[in-house]
N, C-alpha and C. Protein backbone atom coordinates (compact mmCIF):
# COMPACT_ATOMS: atom_id res chain seq x y z
N MET A 1 129.11 47.68 -30.26
CA MET A 1 129.39 48.83 -29.42
C MET A 1 129.15 48.46 -27.95
N ALA A 2 130.07 48.83 -27.12
CA ALA A 2 129.92 48.55 -25.69
C ALA A 2 128.93 49.53 -25.07
N ALA A 3 128.14 49.02 -24.14
CA ALA A 3 127.11 49.85 -23.51
C ALA A 3 127.74 50.75 -22.44
N LYS A 4 127.42 52.02 -22.50
CA LYS A 4 127.93 52.95 -21.50
C LYS A 4 127.09 52.91 -20.24
N ILE A 5 125.77 52.72 -20.40
CA ILE A 5 124.88 52.57 -19.25
C ILE A 5 124.54 51.08 -19.15
N ARG A 6 124.70 50.52 -17.96
CA ARG A 6 124.47 49.09 -17.77
C ARG A 6 123.49 48.85 -16.63
N LYS A 7 122.99 47.63 -16.57
CA LYS A 7 122.09 47.21 -15.50
C LYS A 7 122.78 47.41 -14.16
N GLY A 8 122.06 47.98 -13.21
CA GLY A 8 122.61 48.21 -11.87
C GLY A 8 123.20 49.60 -11.68
N ASP A 9 123.38 50.37 -12.76
CA ASP A 9 123.92 51.72 -12.66
C ASP A 9 122.89 52.67 -12.05
N LYS A 10 123.37 53.64 -11.28
CA LYS A 10 122.51 54.70 -10.77
C LYS A 10 122.57 55.84 -11.77
N VAL A 11 121.39 56.29 -12.22
CA VAL A 11 121.33 57.34 -13.24
C VAL A 11 120.42 58.46 -12.79
N ILE A 12 120.60 59.63 -13.42
CA ILE A 12 119.74 60.78 -13.19
C ILE A 12 119.07 61.14 -14.51
N VAL A 13 117.82 61.54 -14.46
CA VAL A 13 117.07 61.91 -15.66
C VAL A 13 117.40 63.36 -16.01
N LEU A 14 117.75 63.60 -17.27
CA LEU A 14 118.17 64.93 -17.71
C LEU A 14 117.03 65.77 -18.27
N THR A 15 116.00 65.13 -18.77
CA THR A 15 114.92 65.87 -19.40
C THR A 15 113.60 65.12 -19.27
N GLY A 16 112.50 65.84 -19.42
CA GLY A 16 111.18 65.23 -19.32
C GLY A 16 110.52 65.50 -17.99
N ARG A 17 109.39 64.85 -17.75
CA ARG A 17 108.62 65.12 -16.54
C ARG A 17 109.31 64.63 -15.27
N ASP A 18 110.26 63.70 -15.39
CA ASP A 18 110.99 63.19 -14.23
C ASP A 18 112.38 63.81 -14.11
N LYS A 19 112.60 64.95 -14.73
CA LYS A 19 113.91 65.61 -14.73
C LYS A 19 114.42 65.81 -13.30
N GLY A 20 115.69 65.42 -13.08
CA GLY A 20 116.31 65.60 -11.78
C GLY A 20 116.17 64.40 -10.84
N ARG A 21 115.28 63.47 -11.16
CA ARG A 21 115.09 62.30 -10.30
C ARG A 21 116.13 61.23 -10.63
N THR A 22 116.51 60.46 -9.63
CA THR A 22 117.49 59.40 -9.83
C THR A 22 116.85 58.05 -9.58
N GLY A 23 117.44 57.02 -10.17
CA GLY A 23 116.96 55.66 -10.00
C GLY A 23 117.99 54.67 -10.51
N GLU A 24 117.70 53.41 -10.28
CA GLU A 24 118.62 52.34 -10.69
C GLU A 24 118.10 51.69 -11.97
N VAL A 25 119.00 51.46 -12.92
CA VAL A 25 118.65 50.80 -14.17
C VAL A 25 118.46 49.31 -13.88
N PHE A 26 117.29 48.76 -14.28
CA PHE A 26 117.11 47.33 -14.08
C PHE A 26 116.99 46.56 -15.40
N GLU A 27 116.95 47.29 -16.50
CA GLU A 27 116.97 46.64 -17.82
C GLU A 27 117.45 47.64 -18.85
N VAL A 28 118.34 47.18 -19.75
CA VAL A 28 118.82 48.01 -20.85
C VAL A 28 118.45 47.31 -22.15
N ARG A 29 117.92 48.08 -23.09
CA ARG A 29 117.57 47.55 -24.41
C ARG A 29 118.44 48.24 -25.45
N PRO A 30 119.66 47.72 -25.70
CA PRO A 30 120.60 48.41 -26.59
C PRO A 30 120.11 48.52 -28.03
N ASP A 31 119.35 47.55 -28.51
CA ASP A 31 118.86 47.63 -29.88
C ASP A 31 117.89 48.79 -30.07
N ALA A 32 117.13 49.11 -29.03
CA ALA A 32 116.19 50.24 -29.09
C ALA A 32 116.79 51.52 -28.53
N GLY A 33 117.95 51.43 -27.85
CA GLY A 33 118.59 52.61 -27.27
C GLY A 33 117.84 53.14 -26.06
N THR A 34 117.18 52.23 -25.32
CA THR A 34 116.39 52.65 -24.17
C THR A 34 116.76 51.84 -22.94
N ALA A 35 116.28 52.30 -21.79
CA ALA A 35 116.51 51.60 -20.53
C ALA A 35 115.26 51.73 -19.66
N LEU A 36 115.09 50.79 -18.75
CA LEU A 36 114.03 50.86 -17.75
C LEU A 36 114.68 51.22 -16.43
N VAL A 37 114.21 52.29 -15.80
CA VAL A 37 114.77 52.77 -14.55
C VAL A 37 113.72 52.65 -13.46
N ARG A 38 114.09 52.03 -12.35
CA ARG A 38 113.15 51.78 -11.25
C ARG A 38 112.58 53.09 -10.71
N GLY A 39 111.23 53.21 -10.76
CA GLY A 39 110.54 54.38 -10.22
C GLY A 39 110.52 55.60 -11.11
N ILE A 40 111.03 55.49 -12.34
CA ILE A 40 111.10 56.63 -13.26
C ILE A 40 110.24 56.34 -14.49
N ASN A 41 109.60 57.37 -15.03
CA ASN A 41 108.77 57.27 -16.23
C ASN A 41 107.64 56.26 -16.04
N LEU A 42 106.93 56.42 -14.92
CA LEU A 42 105.83 55.51 -14.61
C LEU A 42 104.61 55.83 -15.46
N VAL A 43 103.96 54.78 -15.98
CA VAL A 43 102.75 54.92 -16.77
C VAL A 43 101.70 53.94 -16.24
N LYS A 44 100.44 54.26 -16.46
CA LYS A 44 99.36 53.36 -16.05
C LYS A 44 98.88 52.60 -17.28
N ARG A 45 98.70 51.31 -17.12
CA ARG A 45 98.25 50.45 -18.20
C ARG A 45 97.04 49.64 -17.74
N HIS A 46 96.10 49.44 -18.63
CA HIS A 46 94.95 48.60 -18.33
C HIS A 46 95.34 47.16 -18.63
N GLN A 47 95.38 46.33 -17.59
CA GLN A 47 95.85 44.95 -17.70
C GLN A 47 94.65 44.02 -17.73
N LYS A 48 94.58 43.19 -18.77
CA LYS A 48 93.51 42.20 -18.86
C LYS A 48 93.82 41.05 -17.90
N GLN A 49 92.80 40.53 -17.27
CA GLN A 49 93.00 39.45 -16.31
C GLN A 49 93.38 38.17 -17.05
N THR A 50 94.38 37.45 -16.51
CA THR A 50 94.77 36.15 -17.04
C THR A 50 94.68 35.12 -15.93
N GLN A 51 95.01 33.90 -16.25
CA GLN A 51 94.94 32.84 -15.26
C GLN A 51 95.96 33.07 -14.13
N ASN A 52 97.08 33.67 -14.47
CA ASN A 52 98.15 33.89 -13.49
C ASN A 52 98.14 35.29 -12.89
N GLN A 53 97.48 36.23 -13.53
CA GLN A 53 97.59 37.63 -13.14
C GLN A 53 96.21 38.27 -13.00
N GLU A 54 96.09 39.12 -12.00
CA GLU A 54 94.84 39.83 -11.79
C GLU A 54 94.75 41.01 -12.75
N GLY A 55 93.53 41.34 -13.15
CA GLY A 55 93.33 42.46 -14.06
C GLY A 55 93.21 43.78 -13.30
N GLY A 56 93.07 44.87 -14.05
CA GLY A 56 92.92 46.19 -13.45
C GLY A 56 93.91 47.16 -14.04
N ILE A 57 94.03 48.30 -13.40
CA ILE A 57 94.97 49.32 -13.86
C ILE A 57 96.27 49.14 -13.09
N VAL A 58 97.35 48.89 -13.81
CA VAL A 58 98.65 48.67 -13.18
C VAL A 58 99.59 49.82 -13.54
N THR A 59 100.48 50.15 -12.62
CA THR A 59 101.49 51.17 -12.85
C THR A 59 102.83 50.47 -13.06
N LYS A 60 103.50 50.81 -14.17
CA LYS A 60 104.79 50.19 -14.44
C LYS A 60 105.71 51.19 -15.14
N GLU A 61 107.00 50.85 -15.17
CA GLU A 61 107.99 51.73 -15.79
C GLU A 61 107.94 51.58 -17.31
N ALA A 62 108.02 52.70 -18.00
CA ALA A 62 108.12 52.71 -19.46
C ALA A 62 109.58 52.98 -19.82
N PRO A 63 110.01 52.52 -20.99
CA PRO A 63 111.40 52.75 -21.41
C PRO A 63 111.71 54.24 -21.54
N ILE A 64 112.93 54.62 -21.20
CA ILE A 64 113.38 56.00 -21.36
C ILE A 64 114.64 55.97 -22.23
N ASN A 65 114.75 56.92 -23.13
CA ASN A 65 115.88 56.94 -24.05
C ASN A 65 117.19 57.14 -23.30
N LEU A 66 118.24 56.43 -23.74
CA LEU A 66 119.54 56.52 -23.06
C LEU A 66 120.14 57.92 -23.15
N SER A 67 119.75 58.69 -24.16
CA SER A 67 120.26 60.06 -24.28
C SER A 67 119.67 60.98 -23.22
N ASN A 68 118.60 60.54 -22.56
CA ASN A 68 117.93 61.36 -21.56
C ASN A 68 118.34 61.02 -20.13
N VAL A 69 119.30 60.13 -19.96
CA VAL A 69 119.80 59.79 -18.63
C VAL A 69 121.32 59.93 -18.60
N ALA A 70 121.85 60.20 -17.40
CA ALA A 70 123.29 60.32 -17.21
C ALA A 70 123.70 59.50 -16.00
N TYR A 71 124.85 58.87 -16.08
CA TYR A 71 125.39 58.08 -14.99
C TYR A 71 125.71 59.00 -13.81
N VAL A 72 125.40 58.54 -12.59
CA VAL A 72 125.72 59.30 -11.38
C VAL A 72 126.95 58.67 -10.75
N GLY A 73 128.03 59.46 -10.63
CA GLY A 73 129.27 58.96 -10.08
C GLY A 73 129.23 58.84 -8.56
N LYS A 74 130.34 58.42 -7.99
CA LYS A 74 130.46 58.24 -6.54
C LYS A 74 130.24 59.55 -5.77
N ASP A 75 130.56 60.68 -6.43
CA ASP A 75 130.39 61.99 -5.78
C ASP A 75 128.94 62.48 -5.83
N GLY A 76 128.04 61.73 -6.51
CA GLY A 76 126.64 62.10 -6.57
C GLY A 76 126.30 63.05 -7.70
N LYS A 77 127.27 63.35 -8.57
CA LYS A 77 127.05 64.27 -9.68
C LYS A 77 126.99 63.48 -10.99
N PRO A 78 126.17 63.95 -11.95
CA PRO A 78 126.11 63.26 -13.24
C PRO A 78 127.41 63.42 -14.01
N THR A 79 127.78 62.38 -14.73
CA THR A 79 129.00 62.42 -15.51
C THR A 79 128.83 61.60 -16.78
N ARG A 80 129.62 61.92 -17.78
CA ARG A 80 129.64 61.11 -18.99
C ARG A 80 130.57 59.92 -18.75
N ILE A 81 130.44 58.92 -19.59
CA ILE A 81 131.24 57.70 -19.43
C ILE A 81 132.10 57.51 -20.67
N GLY A 82 133.37 57.17 -20.44
CA GLY A 82 134.29 56.84 -21.52
C GLY A 82 134.88 55.47 -21.26
N PHE A 83 135.77 55.05 -22.13
CA PHE A 83 136.42 53.75 -21.98
C PHE A 83 137.92 53.93 -21.98
N LYS A 84 138.59 53.04 -21.24
CA LYS A 84 140.04 53.05 -21.18
C LYS A 84 140.51 51.61 -21.26
N ILE A 85 141.59 51.37 -21.99
CA ILE A 85 142.15 50.03 -22.08
C ILE A 85 143.33 49.97 -21.13
N GLN A 86 143.26 49.03 -20.18
CA GLN A 86 144.32 48.88 -19.19
C GLN A 86 145.53 48.18 -19.81
N ALA A 87 146.62 48.13 -19.04
CA ALA A 87 147.86 47.54 -19.51
C ALA A 87 147.69 46.06 -19.87
N ASP A 88 146.81 45.36 -19.14
CA ASP A 88 146.60 43.94 -19.42
C ASP A 88 145.62 43.71 -20.58
N GLY A 89 145.14 44.79 -21.21
CA GLY A 89 144.26 44.69 -22.37
C GLY A 89 142.78 44.69 -22.02
N LYS A 90 142.46 44.82 -20.74
CA LYS A 90 141.07 44.83 -20.31
C LYS A 90 140.47 46.21 -20.53
N LYS A 91 139.24 46.24 -21.08
CA LYS A 91 138.55 47.51 -21.35
C LYS A 91 137.65 47.83 -20.16
N VAL A 92 137.80 49.03 -19.58
CA VAL A 92 137.01 49.42 -18.42
C VAL A 92 136.31 50.75 -18.68
N ARG A 93 135.17 50.95 -18.01
CA ARG A 93 134.45 52.23 -18.10
C ARG A 93 135.10 53.23 -17.14
N VAL A 94 135.13 54.49 -17.57
CA VAL A 94 135.76 55.55 -16.78
C VAL A 94 134.83 56.76 -16.75
N ALA A 95 134.68 57.37 -15.57
CA ALA A 95 133.91 58.60 -15.44
C ALA A 95 134.73 59.73 -16.04
N LYS A 96 134.15 60.45 -17.00
CA LYS A 96 134.88 61.51 -17.70
C LYS A 96 135.24 62.67 -16.78
N SER A 97 134.37 63.01 -15.83
CA SER A 97 134.61 64.17 -14.99
C SER A 97 135.76 63.95 -14.01
N SER A 98 135.84 62.76 -13.44
CA SER A 98 136.85 62.52 -12.40
C SER A 98 137.96 61.56 -12.85
N GLY A 99 137.74 60.79 -13.90
CA GLY A 99 138.73 59.82 -14.35
C GLY A 99 138.74 58.54 -13.53
N VAL A 100 137.77 58.38 -12.64
CA VAL A 100 137.68 57.20 -11.77
C VAL A 100 137.08 56.03 -12.55
N GLU A 101 137.64 54.84 -12.35
CA GLU A 101 137.10 53.65 -12.99
C GLU A 101 135.77 53.28 -12.37
N ILE A 102 134.85 52.78 -13.19
CA ILE A 102 133.53 52.38 -12.75
C ILE A 102 133.50 50.87 -12.66
N ASP A 103 133.08 50.34 -11.50
CA ASP A 103 133.01 48.88 -11.37
C ASP A 103 131.86 48.35 -12.22
N GLY A 104 131.98 47.09 -12.55
CA GLY A 104 130.88 46.44 -13.26
C GLY A 104 131.19 46.08 -14.61
């Protein structure tokens, strides 16, 4: 299955404590159906000190389910994503609300 949300996409959170906030996807985990979004779903973790890393309480992004985020189109509004096959046989992502092709 082709991924509808990809690395580098701007998304908006639809539900949860970060509802309404936007951020950029920097990692997608298709097998788990989750994504990591910069600055969204932040959690604090107690990090043990290692030879390369300092210990203490660190804040980092936790995975968020792909069903809880929506792609933000060029107009700044959330939209669903579909696929279209071009005349040359290339498969491209398309914004459902406007029909505009999505780069990437």
